[in-house]
């Protein structure tokens, strides 16, 4: 039924202006804004746009909503930290990030950070 549809995803934020600044100015994504509907379209290479909308009673996702594949996780983390991004740190028995905030055991290298609305994003090794 939906095999040939061009599905797309979306998520909410609590402040569209902060989201616009973060995704455009810091992450350097191309975006367009539908101001009459208070919606942003994130233009992601190789796929359909992702819709970002402002929601009055927004609650941050408790899971990763966007994964950005990168060639070098450590280098990307360093670059994002230089732009003011704070990375998540995990210290659980079977799930730990290292001092650079990168998870390196049991799968691809990955590091998590949050957007201004508290939604969880990641950078993940492309060839993980």
PDB file of N, CA and C in Angstrom:
ATOM      1  N   UNK A   1       0.819  -1.206   0.000  1.00  0.00           N
ATOM      2  CA  UNK A   1       0.000   0.000   0.000  1.00  0.00           C
ATOM      3  C   UNK A   1       0.857   1.263   0.000  1.00  0.00           C
ATOM      4  N   UNK A   2       1.880   1.312   0.865  1.00  0.00           N
ATOM      5  CA  UNK A   2       2.697   2.522   0.968  1.00  0.00           C
ATOM      6  C   UNK A   2       4.085   2.351   0.366  1.00  0.00           C
ATOM      7  N   UNK A   3       4.309   1.269  -0.344  1.00  0.00           N
ATOM      8  CA  UNK A   3       5.627   0.946  -0.870  1.00  0.00           C
ATOM      9  C   UNK A   3       6.257   2.096  -1.652  1.00  0.00           C
ATOM     10  N   UNK A   4       5.501   2.802  -2.433  1.00  0.00           N
ATOM     11  CA  UNK A   4       6.060   3.849  -3.288  1.00  0.00           C
ATOM     12  C   UNK A   4       5.759   5.262  -2.811  1.00  0.00           C
ATOM     13  N   UNK A   5       5.268   5.407  -1.593  1.00  0.00           N
ATOM     14  CA  UNK A   5       5.017   6.758  -1.088  1.00  0.00           C
ATOM     15  C   UNK A   5       6.315   7.380  -0.611  1.00  0.00           C
ATOM     16  N   UNK A   6       6.344   8.663  -0.568  1.00  0.00           N
ATOM     17  CA  UNK A   6       7.514   9.389  -0.068  1.00  0.00           C
ATOM     18  C   UNK A   6       7.204   9.881   1.335  1.00  0.00           C
ATOM     19  N   UNK A   7       7.238   8.946   2.271  1.00  0.00           N
ATOM     20  CA  UNK A   7       6.941   9.261   3.668  1.00  0.00           C
ATOM     21  C   UNK A   7       7.985  10.229   4.212  1.00  0.00           C
ATOM     22  N   UNK A   8       7.609  10.950   5.253  1.00  0.00           N
ATOM     23  CA  UNK A   8       8.537  11.871   5.905  1.00  0.00           C
ATOM     24  C   UNK A   8       8.248  11.873   7.388  1.00  0.00           C
ATOM     25  N   UNK A   9       9.213  12.316   8.169  1.00  0.00           N
ATOM     26  CA  UNK A   9       9.052  12.363   9.603  1.00  0.00           C
ATOM     27  C   UNK A   9       8.994  13.788  10.105  1.00  0.00           C
ATOM     28  N   UNK A  10       8.658  13.909  11.363  1.00  0.00           N
ATOM     29  CA  UNK A  10       8.605  15.222  11.978  1.00  0.00           C
ATOM     30  C   UNK A  10       8.684  15.106  13.480  1.00  0.00           C
ATOM     31  N   UNK A  11       8.931  16.230  14.111  1.00  0.00           N
ATOM     32  CA  UNK A  11       8.981  16.271  15.563  1.00  0.00           C
ATOM     33  C   UNK A  11       8.666  17.676  16.035  1.00  0.00           C
ATOM     34  N   UNK A  12       8.327  17.781  17.326  1.00  0.00           N
ATOM     35  CA  UNK A  12       7.951  19.077  17.877  1.00  0.00           C
ATOM     36  C   UNK A  12       9.093  19.721  18.644  1.00  0.00           C
ATOM     37  N   UNK A  13       8.977  21.038  18.787  1.00  0.00           N
ATOM     38  CA  UNK A  13       9.877  21.840  19.609  1.00  0.00           C
ATOM     39  C   UNK A  13       9.015  22.832  20.378  1.00  0.00           C
ATOM     40  N   UNK A  14       9.597  23.436  21.395  1.00  0.00           N
ATOM     41  CA  UNK A  14       8.835  24.414  22.167  1.00  0.00           C
ATOM     42  C   UNK A  14       9.013  25.840  21.673  1.00  0.00           C
ATOM     43  N   UNK A  15      10.036  26.081  20.820  1.00  0.00           N
ATOM     44  CA  UNK A  15      10.298  27.427  20.329  1.00  0.00           C
ATOM     45  C   UNK A  15      10.878  27.322  18.925  1.00  0.00           C
ATOM     46  N   UNK A  16      10.092  27.684  17.926  1.00  0.00           N
ATOM     47  CA  UNK A  16      10.502  27.528  16.536  1.00  0.00           C
ATOM     48  C   UNK A  16      11.680  28.427  16.178  1.00  0.00           C
ATOM     49  N   UNK A  17      11.754  29.617  16.755  1.00  0.00           N
ATOM     50  CA  UNK A  17      12.868  30.523  16.458  1.00  0.00           C
ATOM     51  C   UNK A  17      14.194  29.945  16.946  1.00  0.00           C
ATOM     52  N   UNK A  18      14.205  29.387  18.157  1.00  0.00           N
ATOM     53  CA  UNK A  18      15.424  28.750  18.678  1.00  0.00           C
ATOM     54  C   UNK A  18      15.794  27.544  17.825  1.00  0.00           C
ATOM     55  N   UNK A  19      14.801  26.765  17.411  1.00  0.00           N
ATOM     56  CA  UNK A  19      15.054  25.604  16.567  1.00  0.00           C
ATOM     57  C   UNK A  19      15.634  26.036  15.228  1.00  0.00           C
ATOM     58  N   UNK A  20      15.072  27.084  14.657  1.00  0.00           N
ATOM     59  CA  UNK A  20      15.549  27.598  13.369  1.00  0.00           C
ATOM     60  C   UNK A  20      17.016  28.002  13.470  1.00  0.00           C
ATOM     61  N   UNK A  21      17.359  28.727  14.507  1.00  0.00           N
ATOM     62  CA  UNK A  21      18.743  29.162  14.717  1.00  0.00           C
ATOM     63  C   UNK A  21      19.669  27.958  14.899  1.00  0.00           C
ATOM     64  N   UNK A  22      19.263  27.007  15.715  1.00  0.00           N
ATOM     65  CA  UNK A  22      20.088  25.827  15.998  1.00  0.00           C
ATOM     66  C   UNK A  22      20.327  25.000  14.739  1.00  0.00           C
ATOM     67  N   UNK A  23      19.260  24.617  14.058  1.00  0.00           N
ATOM     68  CA  UNK A  23      19.399  23.730  12.906  1.00  0.00           C
ATOM     69  C   UNK A  23      20.047  24.419  11.710  1.00  0.00           C
ATOM     70  N   UNK A  24      19.807  25.703  11.547  1.00  0.00           N
ATOM     71  CA  UNK A  24      20.368  26.444  10.425  1.00  0.00           C
ATOM     72  C   UNK A  24      21.766  26.969  10.725  1.00  0.00           C
ATOM     73  N   UNK A  25      21.912  27.718  11.807  1.00  0.00           N
ATOM     74  CA  UNK A  25      23.175  28.401  12.088  1.00  0.00           C
ATOM     75  C   UNK A  25      24.237  27.501  12.702  1.00  0.00           C
ATOM     76  N   UNK A  26      23.849  26.585  13.550  1.00  0.00           N
ATOM     77  CA  UNK A  26      24.840  25.731  14.219  1.00  0.00           C
ATOM     78  C   UNK A  26      25.070  24.436  13.442  1.00  0.00           C
ATOM     79  N   UNK A  27      23.993  23.719  13.118  1.00  0.00           N
ATOM     80  CA  UNK A  27      24.160  22.456  12.404  1.00  0.00           C
ATOM     81  C   UNK A  27      24.323  22.635  10.895  1.00  0.00           C
ATOM     82  N   UNK A  28      24.069  23.844  10.406  1.00  0.00           N
ATOM     83  CA  UNK A  28      24.269  24.198   8.991  1.00  0.00           C
ATOM     84  C   UNK A  28      23.376  23.409   8.035  1.00  0.00           C
ATOM     85  N   UNK A  29      22.176  23.066   8.490  1.00  0.00           N
ATOM     86  CA  UNK A  29      21.208  22.422   7.601  1.00  0.00           C
ATOM     87  C   UNK A  29      20.481  23.491   6.805  1.00  0.00           C
ATOM     88  N   UNK A  30      20.139  23.151   5.597  1.00  0.00           N
ATOM     89  CA  UNK A  30      19.299  24.045   4.799  1.00  0.00           C
ATOM     90  C   UNK A  30      17.874  23.894   5.304  1.00  0.00           C
ATOM     91  N   UNK A  31      17.224  25.007   5.571  1.00  0.00           N
ATOM     92  CA  UNK A  31      15.848  24.953   6.050  1.00  0.00           C
ATOM     93  C   UNK A  31      14.987  25.939   5.269  1.00  0.00           C
ATOM     94  N   UNK A  32      13.716  25.646   5.227  1.00  0.00           N
ATOM     95  CA  UNK A  32      12.730  26.612   4.756  1.00  0.00           C
ATOM     96  C   UNK A  32      11.661  26.703   5.835  1.00  0.00           C
ATOM     97  N   UNK A  33      11.045  27.860   5.890  1.00  0.00           N
ATOM     98  CA  UNK A  33      10.053  28.098   6.930  1.00  0.00           C
ATOM     99  C   UNK A  33       8.705  28.383   6.294  1.00  0.00           C
ATOM    100  N   UNK A  34       7.688  27.730   6.813  1.00  0.00           N
ATOM    101  CA  UNK A  34       6.316  28.033   6.436  1.00  0.00           C
ATOM    102  C   UNK A  34       5.746  28.861   7.585  1.00  0.00           C
ATOM    103  N   UNK A  35       5.992  30.165   7.534  1.00  0.00           N
ATOM    104  CA  UNK A  35       5.658  31.026   8.669  1.00  0.00           C
ATOM    105  C   UNK A  35       4.167  31.058   8.979  1.00  0.00           C
ATOM    106  N   UNK A  36       3.338  30.931   7.955  1.00  0.00           N
ATOM    107  CA  UNK A  36       1.898  30.961   8.209  1.00  0.00           C
ATOM    108  C   UNK A  36       1.433  29.757   9.009  1.00  0.00           C
ATOM    109  N   UNK A  37       2.213  28.667   8.969  1.00  0.00           N
ATOM    110  CA  UNK A  37       1.836  27.465   9.711  1.00  0.00           C
ATOM    111  C   UNK A  37       2.786  27.187  10.868  1.00  0.00           C
ATOM    112  N   UNK A  38       3.805  28.033  11.052  1.00  0.00           N
ATOM    113  CA  UNK A  38       4.808  27.840  12.107  1.00  0.00           C
ATOM    114  C   UNK A  38       5.462  26.460  11.989  1.00  0.00           C
ATOM    115  N   UNK A  39       5.976  26.185  10.793  1.00  0.00           N
ATOM    116  CA  UNK A  39       6.631  24.913  10.497  1.00  0.00           C
ATOM    117  C   UNK A  39       7.967  25.188   9.815  1.00  0.00           C
ATOM    118  N   UNK A  40       8.975  24.396  10.180  1.00  0.00           N
ATOM    119  CA  UNK A  40      10.260  24.398   9.485  1.00  0.00           C
ATOM    120  C   UNK A  40      10.388  23.095   8.709  1.00  0.00           C
ATOM    121  N   UNK A  41      11.021  23.164   7.561  1.00  0.00           N
ATOM    122  CA  UNK A  41      11.389  21.964   6.818  1.00  0.00           C
ATOM    123  C   UNK A  41      12.905  21.878   6.838  1.00  0.00           C
ATOM    124  N   UNK A  42      13.434  20.795   7.428  1.00  0.00           N
ATOM    125  CA  UNK A  42      14.868  20.543   7.398  1.00  0.00           C
ATOM    126  C   UNK A  42      15.148  19.743   6.137  1.00  0.00           C
ATOM    127  N   UNK A  43      16.014  20.272   5.290  1.00  0.00           N
ATOM    128  CA  UNK A  43      16.352  19.589   4.044  1.00  0.00           C
ATOM    129  C   UNK A  43      17.581  18.712   4.296  1.00  0.00           C
ATOM    130  N   UNK A  44      17.362  17.419   4.300  1.00  0.00           N
ATOM    131  CA  UNK A  44      18.400  16.445   4.601  1.00  0.00           C
ATOM    132  C   UNK A  44      18.853  15.799   3.299  1.00  0.00           C
ATOM    133  N   UNK A  45      20.141  15.767   3.078  1.00  0.00           N
ATOM    134  CA  UNK A  45      20.695  15.168   1.878  1.00  0.00           C
ATOM    135  C   UNK A  45      20.268  13.711   1.746  1.00  0.00           C
ATOM    136  N   UNK A  46      19.853  13.340   0.543  1.00  0.00           N
ATOM    137  CA  UNK A  46      19.529  11.947   0.282  1.00  0.00           C
ATOM    138  C   UNK A  46      18.182  11.477   0.791  1.00  0.00           C
ATOM    139  N   UNK A  47      17.355  12.363   1.269  1.00  0.00           N
ATOM    140  CA  UNK A  47      16.067  11.914   1.790  1.00  0.00           C
ATOM    141  C   UNK A  47      15.020  13.000   1.723  1.00  0.00           C
ATOM    142  N   UNK A  48      13.895  12.678   2.264  1.00  0.00           N
ATOM    143  CA  UNK A  48      12.812  13.651   2.311  1.00  0.00           C
ATOM    144  C   UNK A  48      13.032  14.638   3.443  1.00  0.00           C
ATOM    145  N   UNK A  49      12.377  15.778   3.338  1.00  0.00           N
ATOM    146  CA  UNK A  49      12.465  16.788   4.386  1.00  0.00           C
ATOM    147  C   UNK A  49      11.929  16.246   5.705  1.00  0.00           C
ATOM    148  N   UNK A  50      12.410  16.837   6.771  1.00  0.00           N
ATOM    149  CA  UNK A  50      11.909  16.541   8.103  1.00  0.00           C
ATOM    150  C   UNK A  50      11.159  17.780   8.570  1.00  0.00           C
ATOM    151  N   UNK A  51       9.964  17.589   9.064  1.00  0.00           N
ATOM    152  CA  UNK A  51       9.119  18.689   9.498  1.00  0.00           C
ATOM    153  C   UNK A  51       9.348  18.945  10.987  1.00  0.00           C
ATOM    154  N   UNK A  52       9.562  20.210  11.323  1.00  0.00           N
ATOM    155  CA  UNK A  52       9.714  20.620  12.719  1.00  0.00           C
ATOM    156  C   UNK A  52       8.605  21.625  12.996  1.00  0.00           C
ATOM    157  N   UNK A  53       7.828  21.374  14.028  1.00  0.00           N
ATOM    158  CA  UNK A  53       6.697  22.246  14.329  1.00  0.00           C
ATOM    159  C   UNK A  53       6.702  22.634  15.797  1.00  0.00           C
ATOM    160  N   UNK A  54       6.203  23.822  16.046  1.00  0.00           N
ATOM    161  CA  UNK A  54       6.112  24.317  17.421  1.00  0.00           C
ATOM    162  C   UNK A  54       4.852  23.760  18.067  1.00  0.00           C
ATOM    163  N   UNK A  55       5.016  23.270  19.285  1.00  0.00           N
ATOM    164  CA  UNK A  55       3.890  22.687  20.013  1.00  0.00           C
ATOM    165  C   UNK A  55       3.883  23.295  21.411  1.00  0.00           C
ATOM    166  N   UNK A  56       2.764  23.838  21.786  1.00  0.00           N
ATOM    167  CA  UNK A  56       2.636  24.542  23.063  1.00  0.00           C
ATOM    168  C   UNK A  56       3.015  23.667  24.254  1.00  0.00           C
ATOM    169  N   UNK A  57       2.567  22.436  24.269  1.00  0.00           N
ATOM    170  CA  UNK A  57       2.851  21.544  25.400  1.00  0.00           C
ATOM    171  C   UNK A  57       3.920  20.511  25.030  1.00  0.00           C
ATOM    172  N   UNK A  58       4.921  20.957  24.287  1.00  0.00           N
ATOM    173  CA  UNK A  58       6.018  20.091  23.835  1.00  0.00           C
ATOM    174  C   UNK A  58       6.691  19.382  25.010  1.00  0.00           C
ATOM    175  N   UNK A  59       6.959  18.105  24.807  1.00  0.00           N
ATOM    176  CA  UNK A  59       7.782  17.339  25.739  1.00  0.00           C
ATOM    177  C   UNK A  59       8.899  16.725  24.916  1.00  0.00           C
ATOM    178  N   UNK A  60      10.150  16.902  25.328  1.00  0.00           N
ATOM    179  CA  UNK A  60      11.269  16.371  24.550  1.00  0.00           C
ATOM    180  C   UNK A  60      11.178  14.860  24.378  1.00  0.00           C
ATOM    181  N   UNK A  61      11.600  14.403  23.223  1.00  0.00           N
ATOM    182  CA  UNK A  61      11.663  12.965  22.982  1.00  0.00           C
ATOM    183  C   UNK A  61      12.680  12.342  23.924  1.00  0.00           C
ATOM    184  N   UNK A  62      12.393  11.160  24.406  1.00  0.00           N
ATOM    185  CA  UNK A  62      13.301  10.456  25.312  1.00  0.00           C
ATOM    186  C   UNK A  62      14.145   9.437  24.546  1.00  0.00           C
ATOM    187  N   UNK A  63      14.153   9.548  23.249  1.00  0.00           N
ATOM    188  CA  UNK A  63      14.894   8.659  22.362  1.00  0.00           C
ATOM    189  C   UNK A  63      15.523   9.508  21.263  1.00  0.00           C
ATOM    190  N   UNK A  64      16.424   8.940  20.506  1.00  0.00           N
ATOM    191  CA  UNK A  64      17.094   9.667  19.437  1.00  0.00           C
ATOM    192  C   UNK A  64      16.134   9.895  18.280  1.00  0.00           C
ATOM    193  N   UNK A  65      15.916  11.165  17.932  1.00  0.00           N
ATOM    194  CA  UNK A  65      14.985  11.469  16.840  1.00  0.00           C
ATOM    195  C   UNK A  65      15.688  11.665  15.499  1.00  0.00           C
ATOM    196  N   UNK A  66      16.968  12.051  15.528  1.00  0.00           N
ATOM    197  CA  UNK A  66      17.745  12.224  14.303  1.00  0.00           C
ATOM    198  C   UNK A  66      19.156  11.710  14.525  1.00  0.00           C
ATOM    199  N   UNK A  67      19.643  10.924  13.576  1.00  0.00           N
ATOM    200  CA  UNK A  67      21.022  10.446  13.584  1.00  0.00           C
ATOM    201  C   UNK A  67      21.724  11.050  12.375  1.00  0.00           C
ATOM    202  N   UNK A  68      22.865  11.680  12.605  1.00  0.00           N
ATOM    203  CA  UNK A  68      23.634  12.272  11.524  1.00  0.00           C
ATOM    204  C   UNK A  68      24.881  11.419  11.287  1.00  0.00           C
ATOM    205  N   UNK A  69      24.911  10.625  10.209  1.00  0.00           N
ATOM    206  CA  UNK A  69      26.093   9.830   9.905  1.00  0.00           C
ATOM    207  C   UNK A  69      27.264  10.744   9.521  1.00  0.00           C
ATOM    208  N   UNK A  70      28.436  10.468  10.108  1.00  0.00           N
ATOM    209  CA  UNK A  70      29.636  11.266   9.843  1.00  0.00           C
ATOM    210  C   UNK A  70      30.831  10.340   9.643  1.00  0.00           C
ATOM    211  N   UNK A  71      31.850  10.833   8.952  1.00  0.00           N
ATOM    212  CA  UNK A  71      33.073  10.060   8.715  1.00  0.00           C
ATOM    213  C   UNK A  71      33.855   9.839  10.003  1.00  0.00           C
ATOM    214  N   UNK A  72      33.930  10.884  10.850  1.00  0.00           N
ATOM    215  CA  UNK A  72      34.769  10.819  12.043  1.00  0.00           C
ATOM    216  C   UNK A  72      33.987  11.388  13.227  1.00  0.00           C
ATOM    217  N   UNK A  73      33.499  10.513  14.081  1.00  0.00           N
ATOM    218  CA  UNK A  73      32.673  10.928  15.213  1.00  0.00           C
ATOM    219  C   UNK A  73      33.467  11.824  16.162  1.00  0.00           C
ATOM    220  N   UNK A  74      34.677  11.417  16.497  1.00  0.00           N
ATOM    221  CA  UNK A  74      35.481  12.184  17.455  1.00  0.00           C
ATOM    222  C   UNK A  74      35.714  13.605  16.958  1.00  0.00           C
ATOM    223  N   UNK A  75      36.085  13.745  15.712  1.00  0.00           N
ATOM    224  CA  UNK A  75      36.333  15.078  15.129  1.00  0.00           C
ATOM    225  C   UNK A  75      35.051  15.908  15.105  1.00  0.00           C
ATOM    226  N   UNK A  76      33.949  15.289  14.725  1.00  0.00           N
ATOM    227  CA  UNK A  76      32.674  16.007  14.673  1.00  0.00           C
ATOM    228  C   UNK A  76      32.250  16.467  16.061  1.00  0.00           C
ATOM    229  N   UNK A  77      32.442  15.610  17.057  1.00  0.00           N
ATOM    230  CA  UNK A  77      32.114  15.985  18.440  1.00  0.00           C
ATOM    231  C   UNK A  77      32.949  17.194  18.853  1.00  0.00           C
ATOM    232  N   UNK A  78      34.236  17.168  18.558  1.00  0.00           N
ATOM    233  CA  UNK A  78      35.113  18.301  18.894  1.00  0.00           C
ATOM    234  C   UNK A  78      34.629  19.589  18.233  1.00  0.00           C
ATOM    235  N   UNK A  79      34.264  19.506  16.954  1.00  0.00           N
ATOM    236  CA  UNK A  79      33.800  20.682  16.215  1.00  0.00           C
ATOM    237  C   UNK A  79      32.496  21.225  16.793  1.00  0.00           C
ATOM    238  N   UNK A  80      31.577  20.331  17.133  1.00  0.00           N
ATOM    239  CA  UNK A  80      30.299  20.767  17.697  1.00  0.00           C
ATOM    240  C   UNK A  80      30.479  21.338  19.103  1.00  0.00           C
ATOM    241  N   UNK A  81      31.370  20.751  19.881  1.00  0.00           N
ATOM    242  CA  UNK A  81      31.655  21.304  21.207  1.00  0.00           C
ATOM    243  C   UNK A  81      32.207  22.721  21.079  1.00  0.00           C
ATOM    244  N   UNK A  82      33.036  22.964  20.077  1.00  0.00           N
ATOM    245  CA  UNK A  82      33.591  24.303  19.853  1.00  0.00           C
ATOM    246  C   UNK A  82      32.494  25.309  19.509  1.00  0.00           C
ATOM    247  N   UNK A  83      31.365  24.818  18.991  1.00  0.00           N
ATOM    248  CA  UNK A  83      30.212  25.683  18.671  1.00  0.00           C
ATOM    249  C   UNK A  83      29.253  25.828  19.851  1.00  0.00           C
ATOM    250  N   UNK A  84      29.599  25.211  20.982  1.00  0.00           N
ATOM    251  CA  UNK A  84      28.775  25.342  22.177  1.00  0.00           C
ATOM    252  C   UNK A  84      27.838  24.188  22.452  1.00  0.00           C
ATOM    253  N   UNK A  85      27.913  23.132  21.662  1.00  0.00           N
ATOM    254  CA  UNK A  85      27.051  21.964  21.875  1.00  0.00           C
ATOM    255  C   UNK A  85      27.584  21.159  23.061  1.00  0.00           C
ATOM    256  N   UNK A  86      26.693  20.752  23.938  1.00  0.00           N
ATOM    257  CA  UNK A  86      27.034  19.894  25.067  1.00  0.00           C
ATOM    258  C   UNK A  86      26.585  18.480  24.730  1.00  0.00           C
ATOM    259  N   UNK A  87      27.481  17.528  24.916  1.00  0.00           N
ATOM    260  CA  UNK A  87      27.158  16.138  24.619  1.00  0.00           C
ATOM    261  C   UNK A  87      26.744  15.400  25.876  1.00  0.00           C
ATOM    262  N   UNK A  88      25.894  14.405  25.680  1.00  0.00           N
ATOM    263  CA  UNK A  88      25.405  13.583  26.769  1.00  0.00           C
ATOM    264  C   UNK A  88      26.505  12.626  27.218  1.00  0.00           C
ATOM    265  N   UNK A  89      26.481  12.270  28.478  1.00  0.00           N
ATOM    266  CA  UNK A  89      27.428  11.321  29.037  1.00  0.00           C
ATOM    267  C   UNK A  89      26.627  10.223  29.710  1.00  0.00           C
ATOM    268  N   UNK A  90      26.978   8.976  29.416  1.00  0.00           N
ATOM    269  CA  UNK A  90      26.267   7.843  29.989  1.00  0.00           C
ATOM    270  C   UNK A  90      27.257   6.953  30.740  1.00  0.00           C
ATOM    271  N   UNK A  91      26.833   6.478  31.909  1.00  0.00           N
ATOM    272  CA  UNK A  91      27.684   5.604  32.712  1.00  0.00           C
ATOM    273  C   UNK A  91      26.820   4.538  33.371  1.00  0.00           C
ATOM    274  N   UNK A  92      26.432   3.557  32.553  1.00  0.00           N
ATOM    275  CA  UNK A  92      25.645   2.431  33.028  1.00  0.00           C
ATOM    276  C   UNK A  92      26.494   1.170  32.860  1.00  0.00           C
ATOM    277  N   UNK A  93      26.163   0.089  33.553  1.00  0.00           N
ATOM    278  CA  UNK A  93      27.010  -1.111  33.492  1.00  0.00           C
ATOM    279  C   UNK A  93      27.373  -1.560  32.064  1.00  0.00           C
ATOM    280  N   UNK A  94      26.424  -1.606  31.156  1.00  0.00           N
ATOM    281  CA  UNK A  94      26.700  -2.080  29.797  1.00  0.00           C
ATOM    282  C   UNK A  94      26.627  -0.975  28.754  1.00  0.00           C
ATOM    283  N   UNK A  95      26.659   0.264  29.223  1.00  0.00           N
ATOM    284  CA  UNK A  95      26.473   1.372  28.283  1.00  0.00           C
ATOM    285  C   UNK A  95      27.202   2.605  28.820  1.00  0.00           C
ATOM    286  N   UNK A  96      28.415   2.821  28.323  1.00  0.00           N
ATOM    287  CA  UNK A  96      29.222   3.930  28.825  1.00  0.00           C
ATOM    288  C   UNK A  96      29.785   4.745  27.666  1.00  0.00           C
ATOM    289  N   UNK A  97      29.780   6.047  27.851  1.00  0.00           N
ATOM    290  CA  UNK A  97      30.502   6.906  26.922  1.00  0.00           C
ATOM    291  C   UNK A  97      31.868   7.197  27.543  1.00  0.00           C
ATOM    292  N   UNK A  98      32.837   7.471  26.691  1.00  0.00           N
ATOM    293  CA  UNK A  98      34.187   7.743  27.177  1.00  0.00           C
ATOM    294  C   UNK A  98      34.323   9.224  27.570  1.00  0.00           C
ATOM    295  N   UNK A  99      35.505   9.656  28.000  1.00  0.00           N
ATOM    296  CA  UNK A  99      35.679  11.058  28.400  1.00  0.00           C
ATOM    297  C   UNK A  99      35.377  12.074  27.289  1.00  0.00           C
ATOM    298  N   UNK A 100      35.395  11.616  26.027  1.00  0.00           N
ATOM    299  CA  UNK A 100      35.043  12.488  24.903  1.00  0.00           C
ATOM    300  C   UNK A 100      33.543  12.458  24.602  1.00  0.00           C
ATOM    301  N   UNK A 101      32.765  11.754  25.435  1.00  0.00           N
ATOM    302  CA  UNK A 101      31.313  11.597  25.284  1.00  0.00           C
ATOM    303  C   UNK A 101      30.924  10.713  24.100  1.00  0.00           C
ATOM    304  N   UNK A 102      31.808   9.800  23.715  1.00  0.00           N
ATOM    305  CA  UNK A 102      31.548   8.913  22.579  1.00  0.00           C
ATOM    306  C   UNK A 102      31.378   7.485  23.101  1.00  0.00           C
ATOM    307  N   UNK A 103      30.338   6.818  22.617  1.00  0.00           N
ATOM    308  CA  UNK A 103      30.121   5.399  22.900  1.00  0.00           C
ATOM    309  C   UNK A 103      30.919   4.624  21.858  1.00  0.00           C
ATOM    310  N   UNK A 104      31.827   3.744  22.312  1.00  0.00           N
ATOM    311  CA  UNK A 104      32.722   3.040  21.393  1.00  0.00           C
ATOM    312  C   UNK A 104      32.660   1.517  21.554  1.00  0.00           C
ATOM    313  N   UNK A 105      31.701   0.976  22.298  1.00  0.00           N
ATOM    314  CA  UNK A 105      31.663  -0.469  22.540  1.00  0.00           C
ATOM    315  C   UNK A 105      30.351  -1.055  22.057  1.00  0.00           C
ATOM    316  N   UNK A 106      30.445  -2.083  21.246  1.00  0.00           N
ATOM    317  CA  UNK A 106      29.242  -2.813  20.860  1.00  0.00           C
ATOM    318  C   UNK A 106      28.416  -2.138  19.802  1.00  0.00           C
ATOM    319  N   UNK A 107      29.032  -1.759  18.713  1.00  0.00           N
ATOM    320  CA  UNK A 107      28.306  -1.118  17.620  1.00  0.00           C
ATOM    321  C   UNK A 107      29.099   0.049  17.081  1.00  0.00           C
ATOM    322  N   UNK A 108      28.475   0.843  16.231  1.00  0.00           N
ATOM    323  CA  UNK A 108      29.193   1.984  15.671  1.00  0.00           C
ATOM    324  C   UNK A 108      29.467   3.041  16.740  1.00  0.00           C
ATOM    325  N   UNK A 109      30.533   3.804  16.528  1.00  0.00           N
ATOM    326  CA  UNK A 109      30.776   4.944  17.414  1.00  0.00           C
ATOM    327  C   UNK A 109      29.601   5.896  17.284  1.00  0.00           C
ATOM    328  N   UNK A 110      29.176   6.428  18.426  1.00  0.00           N
ATOM    329  CA  UNK A 110      28.024   7.326  18.425  1.00  0.00           C
ATOM    330  C   UNK A 110      28.125   8.281  19.619  1.00  0.00           C
ATOM    331  N   UNK A 111      27.650   9.499  19.424  1.00  0.00           N
ATOM    332  CA  UNK A 111      27.618  10.492  20.503  1.00  0.00           C
ATOM    333  C   UNK A 111      26.295  11.234  20.408  1.00  0.00           C
ATOM    334  N   UNK A 112      25.707  11.516  21.557  1.00  0.00           N
ATOM    335  CA  UNK A 112      24.382  12.115  21.614  1.00  0.00           C
ATOM    336  C   UNK A 112      24.431  13.535  22.166  1.00  0.00           C
ATOM    337  N   UNK A 113      23.555  14.387  21.624  1.00  0.00           N
ATOM    338  CA  UNK A 113      23.413  15.757  22.101  1.00  0.00           C
ATOM    339  C   UNK A 113      21.948  16.155  21.946  1.00  0.00           C
ATOM    340  N   UNK A 114      21.585  17.300  22.478  1.00  0.00           N
ATOM    341  CA  UNK A 114      20.183  17.727  22.432  1.00  0.00           C
ATOM    342  C   UNK A 114      20.033  19.037  21.677  1.00  0.00           C
ATOM    343  N   UNK A 115      18.862  19.192  21.061  1.00  0.00           N
ATOM    344  CA  UNK A 115      18.536  20.476  20.451  1.00  0.00           C
ATOM    345  C   UNK A 115      18.006  21.401  21.551  1.00  0.00           C
ATOM    346  N   UNK A 116      17.735  22.671  21.243  1.00  0.00           N
ATOM    347  CA  UNK A 116      17.274  23.595  22.286  1.00  0.00           C
ATOM    348  C   UNK A 116      15.973  23.177  22.970  1.00  0.00           C
ATOM    349  N   UNK A 117      15.176  22.333  22.314  1.00  0.00           N
ATOM    350  CA  UNK A 117      13.917  21.863  22.896  1.00  0.00           C
ATOM    351  C   UNK A 117      14.105  20.600  23.726  1.00  0.00           C
ATOM    352  N   UNK A 118      15.336  20.092  23.801  1.00  0.00           N
ATOM    353  CA  UNK A 118      15.611  18.909  24.594  1.00  0.00           C
ATOM    354  C   UNK A 118      15.491  17.595  23.844  1.00  0.00           C
ATOM    355  N   UNK A 119      15.210  17.633  22.542  1.00  0.00           N
ATOM    356  CA  UNK A 119      15.141  16.412  21.741  1.00  0.00           C
ATOM    357  C   UNK A 119      16.543  15.846  21.545  1.00  0.00           C
ATOM    358  N   UNK A 120      16.662  14.541  21.534  1.00  0.00           N
ATOM    359  CA  UNK A 120      17.963  13.882  21.437  1.00  0.00           C
ATOM    360  C   UNK A 120      18.332  13.629  19.974  1.00  0.00           C
ATOM    361  N   UNK A 121      19.555  14.035  19.633  1.00  0.00           N
ATOM    362  CA  UNK A 121      20.132  13.841  18.300  1.00  0.00           C
ATOM    363  C   UNK A 121      21.433  13.082  18.476  1.00  0.00           C
ATOM    364  N   UNK A 122      21.982  12.552  17.389  1.00  0.00           N
ATOM    365  CA  UNK A 122      23.286  11.903  17.503  1.00  0.00           C
ATOM    366  C   UNK A 122      24.133  12.143  16.266  1.00  0.00           C
ATOM    367  N   UNK A 123      25.430  11.969  16.450  1.00  0.00           N
ATOM    368  CA  UNK A 123      26.349  11.781  15.337  1.00  0.00           C
ATOM    369  C   UNK A 123      26.807  10.339  15.458  1.00  0.00           C
ATOM    370  N   UNK A 124      26.810   9.636  14.333  1.00  0.00           N
ATOM    371  CA  UNK A 124      27.087   8.204  14.327  1.00  0.00           C
ATOM    372  C   UNK A 124      28.037   7.896  13.175  1.00  0.00           C
ATOM    373  N   UNK A 125      28.954   6.956  13.400  1.00  0.00           N
ATOM    374  CA  UNK A 125      29.922   6.587  12.381  1.00  0.00           C
ATOM    375  C   UNK A 125      29.209   6.066  11.130  1.00  0.00           C
ATOM    376  N   UNK A 126      29.565   6.630   9.991  1.00  0.00           N
ATOM    377  CA  UNK A 126      28.939   6.243   8.718  1.00  0.00           C
ATOM    378  C   UNK A 126      29.121   4.767   8.396  1.00  0.00           C
ATOM    379  N   UNK A 127      30.273   4.276   8.640  1.00  0.00           N
ATOM    380  CA  UNK A 127      30.579   2.885   8.282  1.00  0.00           C
ATOM    381  C   UNK A 127      30.641   2.015   9.519  1.00  0.00           C
ATOM    382  N   UNK A 128      29.717   2.273  10.458  1.00  0.00           N
ATOM    383  CA  UNK A 128      29.723   1.544  11.723  1.00  0.00           C
ATOM    384  C   UNK A 128      29.152   0.214  11.576  1.00  0.00           C
TER     385      UNK A 128
END
